[in-house]
Amino acid sequence: MTPEYVLTMSCPDKAGIVAATTGCLAELNCFITKTAHFADSETAQFFGRMVFRIDQRGVSVDDVHSAFQMVADRFEMAWHMRNKANNKRVLIMVSKAEHCLNDLLYRYRIGAIPMEVTAIVSNHPDLKPLADWHDIPYYHLPVSKETKQDQEADLLKIIEDTDTDLVVLARYMQILTPGFIAKMFPRVINIHHSFLPGFKGAKPYHQAHARGVKIIGATAHFVTEDLDEGPIIWQAVEQVDHTQTPDDLAAVGRDVESQVLARGLRAVLEDRVLLNGHRTIVFR
């Protein structure tokens, strides 16, 4: 099967970008199977994503790279090209709640999400049996206020040793330090049990119930030093009503969290998410 490549780009917006980028690939007999572009009038930035294959014999990936670099230089463009077959490597972090982890591992096992899981890391030992069942390495890294720096140093060593591309916080109930985030941004994704901005702090579903809310939501976002304020990747809501208890709302929330995290992660894995300042461009 002829390999497909994903090419993403961003640059200051100006006339001729689409013609130049697609024309560059066409001149090399590359067949474009998908293309998406967006010009943000507020930031005056252009964003694009193309999926293509190389149909001409004698044309290599290096040839495409060299030709496109000339286009990129012309438009002051940041760009990246990846073979779709080379799945990104993902480390999953959890605490005790298993619903998001279980959902991701199921999708991974049946091939519904394009990733390679390098390890599961937790500050508790509770979910090791689930990792063992999927034959994935499980690292128990306990953490306290006094040991957080050492624990994160161990975590960074695991990330490096496993050649991990992305870290997913699948209900990991610890706050990462600014130093760790600075080293990893934008390679850490979190799921927040609220349709941000919303109820923050402890017992969000009890807060929601007390306020009589009519929707339950969840938000997948990149992690920044500002807690739960990172660029949003994906969101969803479910309708609820006055008959439902806080436990009922929490059950609805678990389903939404799992779906939102999986969909947001998949978008990142497929190079469909580009940063636009504090916002994101998410191509369908």
C-alpha atoms as a PDB file:
ATOM      1  CA  MET A   1       0.000   0.000   0.000  1.00  0.00           C
ATOM      2  CA  THR A   2       1.292   3.444  -0.926  1.00  0.00           C
ATOM      3  CA  PRO A   3       1.985   5.392   2.273  1.00  0.00           C
ATOM      4  CA  GLU A   4       0.086   8.580   3.025  1.00  0.00           C
ATOM      5  CA  TYR A   5       1.641  11.646   4.598  1.00  0.00           C
ATOM      6  CA  VAL A   6       0.087  14.389   6.712  1.00  0.00           C
ATOM      7  CA  LEU A   7       1.410  17.910   6.231  1.00  0.00           C
ATOM      8  CA  THR A   8       0.398  20.718   8.594  1.00  0.00           C
ATOM      9  CA  MET A   9       1.344  24.362   8.303  1.00  0.00           C
ATOM     10  CA  SER A  10       0.840  27.800   9.831  1.00  0.00           C
ATOM     11  CA  CYS A  11       2.126  31.190   8.768  1.00  0.00           C
ATOM     12  CA  PRO A  12       1.172  34.868   8.397  1.00  0.00           C
ATOM     13  CA  ASP A  13      -1.817  35.073   6.063  1.00  0.00           C
ATOM     14  CA  LYS A  14      -1.226  36.414   2.565  1.00  0.00           C
ATOM     15  CA  ALA A  15      -2.355  35.729  -0.985  1.00  0.00           C
ATOM     16  CA  GLY A  16      -1.080  32.664  -2.824  1.00  0.00           C
ATOM     17  CA  ILE A  17      -0.467  30.217   0.022  1.00  0.00           C
ATOM     18  CA  VAL A  18      -2.960  27.569  -1.097  1.00  0.00           C
ATOM     19  CA  ALA A  19      -1.824  27.777  -4.718  1.00  0.00           C
ATOM     20  CA  ALA A  20       1.838  27.536  -3.748  1.00  0.00           C
ATOM     21  CA  THR A  21       1.450  24.621  -1.332  1.00  0.00           C
ATOM     22  CA  THR A  22      -0.847  22.493  -3.463  1.00  0.00           C
ATOM     23  CA  GLY A  23       1.113  23.407  -6.591  1.00  0.00           C
ATOM     24  CA  CYS A  24       4.357  22.260  -4.970  1.00  0.00           C
ATOM     25  CA  LEU A  25       2.915  18.822  -4.310  1.00  0.00           C
ATOM     26  CA  ALA A  26       1.291  18.633  -7.748  1.00  0.00           C
ATOM     27  CA  GLU A  27       4.604  19.330  -9.476  1.00  0.00           C
ATOM     28  CA  LEU A  28       6.023  16.259  -7.731  1.00  0.00           C
ATOM     29  CA  ASN A  29       3.026  14.141  -8.831  1.00  0.00           C
ATOM     30  CA  CYS A  30       1.759  13.874  -5.262  1.00  0.00           C
ATOM     31  CA  PHE A  31      -1.919  12.976  -5.052  1.00  0.00           C
ATOM     32  CA  ILE A  32      -3.726  15.060  -2.414  1.00  0.00           C
ATOM     33  CA  THR A  33      -6.523  13.052  -0.771  1.00  0.00           C
ATOM     34  CA  LYS A  34      -7.617  15.605   1.850  1.00  0.00           C
ATOM     35  CA  THR A  35      -7.080  19.306   2.316  1.00  0.00           C
ATOM     36  CA  ALA A  36      -8.331  21.874   4.804  1.00  0.00           C
ATOM     37  CA  HIS A  37      -7.404  25.529   5.244  1.00  0.00           C
ATOM     38  CA  PHE A  38      -8.394  28.356   7.548  1.00  0.00           C
ATOM     39  CA  ALA A  39      -7.433  32.026   7.574  1.00  0.00           C
ATOM     40  CA  ASP A  40      -8.033  33.756  10.908  1.00  0.00           C
ATOM     41  CA  SER A  41      -8.902  37.391  10.286  1.00  0.00           C
ATOM     42  CA  GLU A  42      -8.342  38.291  13.954  1.00  0.00           C
ATOM     43  CA  THR A  43      -4.766  37.023  14.179  1.00  0.00           C
ATOM     44  CA  ALA A  44      -3.937  37.335  10.458  1.00  0.00           C
ATOM     45  CA  GLN A  45      -2.647  33.784  10.505  1.00  0.00           C
ATOM     46  CA  PHE A  46      -3.141  30.995   7.967  1.00  0.00           C
ATOM     47  CA  PHE A  47      -3.501  27.326   8.938  1.00  0.00           C
ATOM     48  CA  GLY A  48      -3.569  24.278   6.714  1.00  0.00           C
ATOM     49  CA  ARG A  49      -3.566  20.493   6.667  1.00  0.00           C
ATOM     50  CA  MET A  50      -3.079  18.205   3.680  1.00  0.00           C
ATOM     51  CA  VAL A  51      -3.007  14.433   3.343  1.00  0.00           C
ATOM     52  CA  PHE A  52      -1.226  13.121   0.256  1.00  0.00           C
ATOM     53  CA  ARG A  53       0.605  10.201  -1.272  1.00  0.00           C
ATOM     54  CA  ILE A  54       3.613  10.157  -3.586  1.00  0.00           C
ATOM     55  CA  ASP A  55       2.555   8.583  -6.875  1.00  0.00           C
ATOM     56  CA  GLN A  56       5.628   9.153  -9.020  1.00  0.00           C
ATOM     57  CA  ARG A  57       8.462   6.633  -8.989  1.00  0.00           C
ATOM     58  CA  GLY A  58      11.808   8.146  -8.190  1.00  0.00           C
ATOM     59  CA  VAL A  59      10.328  10.866  -5.990  1.00  0.00           C
ATOM     60  CA  SER A  60      11.320  10.391  -2.349  1.00  0.00           C
ATOM     61  CA  VAL A  61      10.094  11.867   0.924  1.00  0.00           C
ATOM     62  CA  ASP A  62      13.313  13.867   1.026  1.00  0.00           C
ATOM     63  CA  ASP A  63      12.486  15.320  -2.398  1.00  0.00           C
ATOM     64  CA  VAL A  64       9.092  16.466  -1.136  1.00  0.00           C
ATOM     65  CA  HIS A  65      10.655  17.855   2.026  1.00  0.00           C
ATOM     66  CA  SER A  66      13.253  19.866   0.119  1.00  0.00           C
ATOM     67  CA  ALA A  67      10.725  21.254  -2.361  1.00  0.00           C
ATOM     68  CA  PHE A  68       8.219  22.215   0.317  1.00  0.00           C
ATOM     69  CA  GLN A  69      10.899  23.862   2.437  1.00  0.00           C
ATOM     70  CA  MET A  70      11.389  26.409  -0.332  1.00  0.00           C
ATOM     71  CA  VAL A  71       7.672  27.224  -0.228  1.00  0.00           C
ATOM     72  CA  ALA A  72       7.804  27.399   3.566  1.00  0.00           C
ATOM     73  CA  ASP A  73      10.713  29.823   3.471  1.00  0.00           C
ATOM     74  CA  ARG A  74       8.822  32.047   1.059  1.00  0.00           C
ATOM     75  CA  PHE A  75       5.821  32.330   3.381  1.00  0.00           C
ATOM     76  CA  GLU A  76       7.679  32.250   6.743  1.00  0.00           C
ATOM     77  CA  MET A  77       5.868  29.022   7.481  1.00  0.00           C
ATOM     78  CA  ALA A  78       6.078  26.603  10.407  1.00  0.00           C
ATOM     79  CA  TRP A  79       5.294  23.150   9.065  1.00  0.00           C
ATOM     80  CA  HIS A  80       5.506  19.460   9.822  1.00  0.00           C
ATOM     81  CA  MET A  81       5.186  16.322   7.699  1.00  0.00           C
ATOM     82  CA  ARG A  82       4.546  12.820   9.057  1.00  0.00           C
ATOM     83  CA  ASN A  83       3.962   9.365   7.622  1.00  0.00           C
ATOM     84  CA  LYS A  84       0.438   8.425   8.752  1.00  0.00           C
ATOM     85  CA  ALA A  85       1.593   4.865   9.412  1.00  0.00           C
ATOM     86  CA  ASN A  86       3.937   6.075  12.157  1.00  0.00           C
ATOM     87  CA  ASN A  87       1.504   6.326  15.054  1.00  0.00           C
ATOM     88  CA  LYS A  88       2.367   8.737  17.834  1.00  0.00           C
ATOM     89  CA  ARG A  89       3.492   7.275  21.128  1.00  0.00           C
ATOM     90  CA  VAL A  90       1.264   8.048  24.117  1.00  0.00           C
ATOM     91  CA  LEU A  91       1.813   7.755  27.866  1.00  0.00           C
ATOM     92  CA  ILE A  92      -1.396   7.715  29.933  1.00  0.00           C
ATOM     93  CA  MET A  93      -1.560   9.041  33.495  1.00  0.00           C
ATOM     94  CA  VAL A  94      -4.322   8.099  35.931  1.00  0.00           C
ATOM     95  CA  SER A  95      -5.162   8.139  39.630  1.00  0.00           C
ATOM     96  CA  LYS A  96      -8.024   5.879  40.773  1.00  0.00           C
ATOM     97  CA  ALA A  97     -10.923   6.597  38.402  1.00  0.00           C
ATOM     98  CA  GLU A  98     -10.752   4.068  35.573  1.00  0.00           C
ATOM     99  CA  HIS A  99     -13.454   5.078  33.090  1.00  0.00           C
ATOM    100  CA  CYS A 100     -11.305   7.228  30.793  1.00  0.00           C
ATOM    101  CA  LEU A 101      -8.373   4.811  30.899  1.00  0.00           C
ATOM    102  CA  ASN A 102     -10.599   1.808  30.224  1.00  0.00           C
ATOM    103  CA  ASP A 103     -12.221   3.568  27.268  1.00  0.00           C
ATOM    104  CA  LEU A 104      -8.883   4.582  25.731  1.00  0.00           C
ATOM    105  CA  LEU A 105      -7.411   1.107  26.145  1.00  0.00           C
ATOM    106  CA  TYR A 106     -10.466  -0.500  24.548  1.00  0.00           C
ATOM    107  CA  ARG A 107     -10.255   1.818  21.551  1.00  0.00           C
ATOM    108  CA  TYR A 108      -6.510   1.158  21.369  1.00  0.00           C
ATOM    109  CA  ARG A 109      -6.990  -2.615  21.507  1.00  0.00           C
ATOM    110  CA  ILE A 110      -9.494  -2.689  18.632  1.00  0.00           C
ATOM    111  CA  GLY A 111      -7.475  -0.252  16.518  1.00  0.00           C
ATOM    112  CA  ALA A 112     -10.027   2.582  16.740  1.00  0.00           C
ATOM    113  CA  ILE A 113      -7.504   5.206  17.792  1.00  0.00           C
ATOM    114  CA  PRO A 114      -4.143   5.619  16.009  1.00  0.00           C
ATOM    115  CA  MET A 115      -1.560   5.489  18.794  1.00  0.00           C
ATOM    116  CA  GLU A 116       1.007   3.325  20.520  1.00  0.00           C
ATOM    117  CA  VAL A 117       0.625   3.266  24.307  1.00  0.00           C
ATOM    118  CA  THR A 118       4.103   3.351  25.815  1.00  0.00           C
ATOM    119  CA  ALA A 119       3.162   3.154  29.513  1.00  0.00           C
ATOM    120  CA  ILE A 120       0.581   3.885  32.165  1.00  0.00           C
ATOM    121  CA  VAL A 121       1.727   5.988  35.120  1.00  0.00           C
ATOM    122  CA  SER A 122      -0.249   6.474  38.325  1.00  0.00           C
ATOM    123  CA  ASN A 123       0.165   7.869  41.805  1.00  0.00           C
ATOM    124  CA  HIS A 124      -1.830   4.845  43.047  1.00  0.00           C
ATOM    125  CA  PRO A 125      -1.434   1.083  42.443  1.00  0.00           C
ATOM    126  CA  ASP A 126      -5.165   0.435  41.945  1.00  0.00           C
ATOM    127  CA  LEU A 127      -5.307   0.190  38.141  1.00  0.00           C
ATOM    128  CA  LYS A 128      -2.294  -2.042  37.594  1.00  0.00           C
ATOM    129  CA  PRO A 129      -4.490  -5.115  36.881  1.00  0.00           C
ATOM    130  CA  LEU A 130      -6.107  -3.241  33.984  1.00  0.00           C
ATOM    131  CA  ALA A 131      -2.704  -2.364  32.563  1.00  0.00           C
ATOM    132  CA  ASP A 132      -1.492  -5.945  33.019  1.00  0.00           C
ATOM    133  CA  TRP A 133      -4.542  -7.281  31.163  1.00  0.00           C
ATOM    134  CA  HIS A 134      -3.611  -5.078  28.198  1.00  0.00           C
ATOM    135  CA  ASP A 135       0.073  -6.015  28.570  1.00  0.00           C
ATOM    136  CA  ILE A 136       1.151  -2.393  29.048  1.00  0.00           C
ATOM    137  CA  PRO A 137       3.920  -1.351  31.490  1.00  0.00           C
ATOM    138  CA  TYR A 138       2.523   0.229  34.666  1.00  0.00           C
ATOM    139  CA  TYR A 139       4.575   2.603  36.803  1.00  0.00           C
ATOM    140  CA  HIS A 140       3.412   3.422  40.318  1.00  0.00           C
ATOM    141  CA  LEU A 141       4.888   6.815  41.220  1.00  0.00           C
ATOM    142  CA  PRO A 142       3.494   7.964  44.588  1.00  0.00           C
ATOM    143  CA  VAL A 143       3.544  11.701  45.084  1.00  0.00           C
ATOM    144  CA  SER A 144       3.353  14.132  47.986  1.00  0.00           C
ATOM    145  CA  LYS A 145       4.082  17.814  48.339  1.00  0.00           C
ATOM    146  CA  GLU A 146       7.595  16.945  49.509  1.00  0.00           C
ATOM    147  CA  THR A 147       8.316  14.406  46.735  1.00  0.00           C
ATOM    148  CA  LYS A 148       6.619  16.073  43.736  1.00  0.00           C
ATOM    149  CA  GLN A 149       9.863  17.298  42.153  1.00  0.00           C
ATOM    150  CA  ASP A 150      11.489  13.863  42.416  1.00  0.00           C
ATOM    151  CA  GLN A 151       8.337  12.155  41.157  1.00  0.00           C
ATOM    152  CA  GLU A 152       8.185  14.381  38.098  1.00  0.00           C
ATOM    153  CA  ALA A 153      11.889  13.787  37.438  1.00  0.00           C
ATOM    154  CA  ASP A 154      11.117  10.045  37.387  1.00  0.00           C
ATOM    155  CA  LEU A 155       8.173  10.726  35.091  1.00  0.00           C
ATOM    156  CA  LEU A 156      10.325  12.713  32.664  1.00  0.00           C
ATOM    157  CA  LYS A 157      12.832   9.837  32.631  1.00  0.00           C
ATOM    158  CA  ILE A 158      10.057   7.387  31.691  1.00  0.00           C
ATOM    159  CA  ILE A 159       8.844   9.741  28.949  1.00  0.00           C
ATOM    160  CA  GLU A 160      12.373   9.975  27.551  1.00  0.00           C
ATOM    161  CA  ASP A 161      13.149   6.253  27.850  1.00  0.00           C
ATOM    162  CA  THR A 162       9.903   5.244  26.114  1.00  0.00           C
ATOM    163  CA  ASP A 163      10.272   7.859  23.358  1.00  0.00           C
ATOM    164  CA  THR A 164       6.829   9.211  24.251  1.00  0.00           C
ATOM    165  CA  ASP A 165       5.281  11.910  22.058  1.00  0.00           C
ATOM    166  CA  LEU A 166       2.160  12.799  24.078  1.00  0.00           C
ATOM    167  CA  VAL A 167       1.058  12.542  27.707  1.00  0.00           C
ATOM    168  CA  VAL A 168      -2.664  12.114  28.400  1.00  0.00           C
ATOM    169  CA  LEU A 169      -4.093  12.871  31.829  1.00  0.00           C
ATOM    170  CA  ALA A 170      -7.009  10.431  31.988  1.00  0.00           C
ATOM    171  CA  ARG A 171      -8.355  11.730  35.305  1.00  0.00           C
ATOM    172  CA  TYR A 172      -4.925  12.123  36.888  1.00  0.00           C
ATOM    173  CA  MET A 173      -5.828  14.035  40.029  1.00  0.00           C
ATOM    174  CA  GLN A 174      -2.557  15.845  40.649  1.00  0.00           C
ATOM    175  CA  ILE A 175      -1.458  19.325  39.598  1.00  0.00           C
ATOM    176  CA  LEU A 176       1.688  19.294  37.472  1.00  0.00           C
ATOM    177  CA  THR A 177       4.416  21.781  38.342  1.00  0.00           C
ATOM    178  CA  PRO A 178       5.151  24.797  36.110  1.00  0.00           C
ATOM    179  CA  GLY A 179       8.609  23.388  35.431  1.00  0.00           C
ATOM    180  CA  PHE A 180       7.217  20.115  34.091  1.00  0.00           C
ATOM    181  CA  ILE A 181       4.612  21.909  31.976  1.00  0.00           C
ATOM    182  CA  ALA A 182       7.215  24.277  30.527  1.00  0.00           C
ATOM    183  CA  LYS A 183       9.262  21.294  29.350  1.00  0.00           C
ATOM    184  CA  MET A 184       6.291  19.456  27.878  1.00  0.00           C
ATOM    185  CA  PHE A 185       3.908  22.059  26.382  1.00  0.00           C
ATOM    186  CA  PRO A 186       1.970  21.412  24.149  1.00  0.00           C
ATOM    187  CA  ARG A 187       2.425  17.679  24.603  1.00  0.00           C
ATOM    188  CA  VAL A 188       0.138  17.152  27.614  1.00  0.00           C
ATOM    189  CA  ILE A 189      -3.636  16.741  27.208  1.00  0.00           C
ATOM    190  CA  ASN A 190      -6.130  16.775  30.074  1.00  0.00           C
ATOM    191  CA  ILE A 191      -9.815  15.954  30.467  1.00  0.00           C
ATOM    192  CA  HIS A 192     -11.759  18.301  32.720  1.00  0.00           C
ATOM    193  CA  HIS A 193     -15.053  17.188  34.240  1.00  0.00           C
ATOM    194  CA  SER A 194     -16.840  20.382  33.247  1.00  0.00           C
ATOM    195  CA  PHE A 195     -17.898  22.257  30.160  1.00  0.00           C
ATOM    196  CA  LEU A 196     -15.329  24.984  30.752  1.00  0.00           C
ATOM    197  CA  PRO A 197     -15.657  27.562  32.049  1.00  0.00           C
ATOM    198  CA  GLY A 198     -17.811  25.981  34.731  1.00  0.00           C
ATOM    199  CA  PHE A 199     -17.839  24.574  38.234  1.00  0.00           C
ATOM    200  CA  LYS A 200     -14.305  24.344  39.574  1.00  0.00           C
ATOM    201  CA  GLY A 201     -12.869  22.735  42.675  1.00  0.00           C
ATOM    202  CA  ALA A 202     -14.205  19.789  44.642  1.00  0.00           C
ATOM    203  CA  LYS A 203     -17.443  17.934  43.882  1.00  0.00           C
ATOM    204  CA  PRO A 204     -18.383  19.657  40.625  1.00  0.00           C
ATOM    205  CA  TYR A 205     -21.427  17.444  40.139  1.00  0.00           C
ATOM    206  CA  HIS A 206     -22.756  18.347  43.582  1.00  0.00           C
ATOM    207  CA  GLN A 207     -22.259  22.023  42.717  1.00  0.00           C
ATOM    208  CA  ALA A 208     -24.069  21.463  39.435  1.00  0.00           C
ATOM    209  CA  HIS A 209     -26.929  19.656  41.156  1.00  0.00           C
ATOM    210  CA  ALA A 210     -27.306  22.423  43.732  1.00  0.00           C
ATOM    211  CA  ARG A 211     -27.577  24.956  40.898  1.00  0.00           C
ATOM    212  CA  GLY A 212     -30.106  22.860  38.969  1.00  0.00           C
ATOM    213  CA  VAL A 213     -28.058  22.688  35.775  1.00  0.00           C
ATOM    214  CA  LYS A 214     -29.612  21.216  32.640  1.00  0.00           C
ATOM    215  CA  ILE A 215     -26.446  20.049  30.890  1.00  0.00           C
ATOM    216  CA  ILE A 216     -23.416  18.005  31.919  1.00  0.00           C
ATOM    217  CA  GLY A 217     -20.256  18.546  29.916  1.00  0.00           C
ATOM    218  CA  ALA A 218     -16.556  17.821  29.639  1.00  0.00           C
ATOM    219  CA  THR A 219     -13.551  19.575  28.077  1.00  0.00           C
ATOM    220  CA  ALA A 220     -10.335  18.183  26.629  1.00  0.00           C
ATOM    221  CA  HIS A 221      -7.566  20.784  26.578  1.00  0.00           C
ATOM    222  CA  PHE A 222      -3.827  21.260  26.440  1.00  0.00           C
ATOM    223  CA  VAL A 223      -2.235  21.696  29.854  1.00  0.00           C
ATOM    224  CA  THR A 224      -0.699  25.061  30.714  1.00  0.00           C
ATOM    225  CA  GLU A 225       0.502  26.644  33.945  1.00  0.00           C
ATOM    226  CA  ASP A 226      -2.933  28.241  34.357  1.00  0.00           C
ATOM    227  CA  LEU A 227      -4.990  25.449  35.877  1.00  0.00           C
ATOM    228  CA  ASP A 228      -7.796  24.285  33.546  1.00  0.00           C
ATOM    229  CA  GLU A 229      -7.252  27.307  31.297  1.00  0.00           C
ATOM    230  CA  GLY A 230      -5.280  25.701  28.456  1.00  0.00           C
ATOM    231  CA  PRO A 231      -6.308  25.838  24.771  1.00  0.00           C
ATOM    232  CA  ILE A 232      -9.512  23.818  24.303  1.00  0.00           C
ATOM    233  CA  ILE A 233      -9.403  20.844  21.936  1.00  0.00           C
ATOM    234  CA  TRP A 234     -12.838  19.243  22.247  1.00  0.00           C
ATOM    235  CA  GLN A 235     -16.065  19.690  24.227  1.00  0.00           C
ATOM    236  CA  ALA A 236     -19.439  17.986  24.519  1.00  0.00           C
ATOM    237  CA  VAL A 237     -22.571  18.154  26.661  1.00  0.00           C
ATOM    238  CA  GLU A 238     -25.475  15.894  27.620  1.00  0.00           C
ATOM    239  CA  GLN A 239     -28.956  17.007  28.638  1.00  0.00           C
ATOM    240  CA  VAL A 240     -30.001  16.291  32.238  1.00  0.00           C
ATOM    241  CA  ASP A 241     -33.041  17.220  34.311  1.00  0.00           C
ATOM    242  CA  HIS A 242     -34.379  17.749  37.818  1.00  0.00           C
ATOM    243  CA  THR A 243     -35.069  14.047  38.434  1.00  0.00           C
ATOM    244  CA  GLN A 244     -31.394  13.092  38.462  1.00  0.00           C
ATOM    245  CA  THR A 245     -29.321  12.817  41.631  1.00  0.00           C
ATOM    246  CA  PRO A 246     -25.651  13.851  41.943  1.00  0.00           C
ATOM    247  CA  ASP A 247     -24.722  10.186  41.388  1.00  0.00           C
ATOM    248  CA  ASP A 248     -26.807  10.155  38.210  1.00  0.00           C
ATOM    249  CA  LEU A 249     -25.037  13.298  37.008  1.00  0.00           C
ATOM    250  CA  ALA A 250     -21.649  11.775  37.782  1.00  0.00           C
ATOM    251  CA  ALA A 251     -22.556   8.708  35.691  1.00  0.00           C
ATOM    252  CA  VAL A 252     -23.525  10.915  32.769  1.00  0.00           C
ATOM    253  CA  GLY A 253     -20.320  12.854  33.310  1.00  0.00           C
ATOM    254  CA  ARG A 254     -18.171   9.723  33.133  1.00  0.00           C
ATOM    255  CA  ASP A 255     -19.600   8.885  29.718  1.00  0.00           C
ATOM    256  CA  VAL A 256     -19.085  12.403  28.387  1.00  0.00           C
ATOM    257  CA  GLU A 257     -15.536  12.597  29.761  1.00  0.00           C
ATOM    258  CA  SER A 258     -14.568   9.326  28.070  1.00  0.00           C
ATOM    259  CA  GLN A 259     -16.000  10.379  24.721  1.00  0.00           C
ATOM    260  CA  VAL A 260     -14.515  13.868  24.779  1.00  0.00           C
ATOM    261  CA  LEU A 261     -11.051  12.687  25.777  1.00  0.00           C
ATOM    262  CA  ALA A 262     -11.008  10.020  23.060  1.00  0.00           C
ATOM    263  CA  ARG A 263     -12.214  12.412  20.364  1.00  0.00           C
ATOM    264  CA  GLY A 264      -9.877  15.199  21.398  1.00  0.00           C
ATOM    265  CA  LEU A 265      -6.906  12.852  21.618  1.00  0.00           C
ATOM    266  CA  ARG A 266      -7.684  11.351  18.240  1.00  0.00           C
ATOM    267  CA  ALA A 267      -7.777  14.813  16.672  1.00  0.00           C
ATOM    268  CA  VAL A 268      -4.301  15.527  18.067  1.00  0.00           C
ATOM    269  CA  LEU A 269      -2.984  12.117  16.994  1.00  0.00           C
ATOM    270  CA  GLU A 270      -4.201  12.748  13.456  1.00  0.00           C
ATOM    271  CA  ASP A 271      -2.538  16.187  13.299  1.00  0.00           C
ATOM    272  CA  ARG A 272      -5.913  17.918  13.047  1.00  0.00           C
ATOM    273  CA  VAL A 273      -5.224  20.351  15.905  1.00  0.00           C
ATOM    274  CA  LEU A 274      -3.100  23.467  15.435  1.00  0.00           C
ATOM    275  CA  LEU A 275      -2.436  26.108  18.065  1.00  0.00           C
ATOM    276  CA  ASN A 276      -3.636  29.633  17.346  1.00  0.00           C
ATOM    277  CA  GLY A 277      -2.419  31.608  20.346  1.00  0.00           C
ATOM    278  CA  HIS A 278      -4.609  30.576  23.276  1.00  0.00           C
ATOM    279  CA  ARG A 279      -7.127  28.960  20.954  1.00  0.00           C
ATOM    280  CA  THR A 280      -7.018  25.952  18.660  1.00  0.00           C
ATOM    281  CA  ILE A 281      -7.830  25.213  15.045  1.00  0.00           C
ATOM    282  CA  VAL A 282      -9.417  21.762  14.874  1.00  0.00           C
ATOM    283  CA  PHE A 283      -9.869  20.447  11.355  1.00  0.00           C
ATOM    284  CA  ARG A 284     -12.608  17.849  10.846  1.00  0.00           C
END
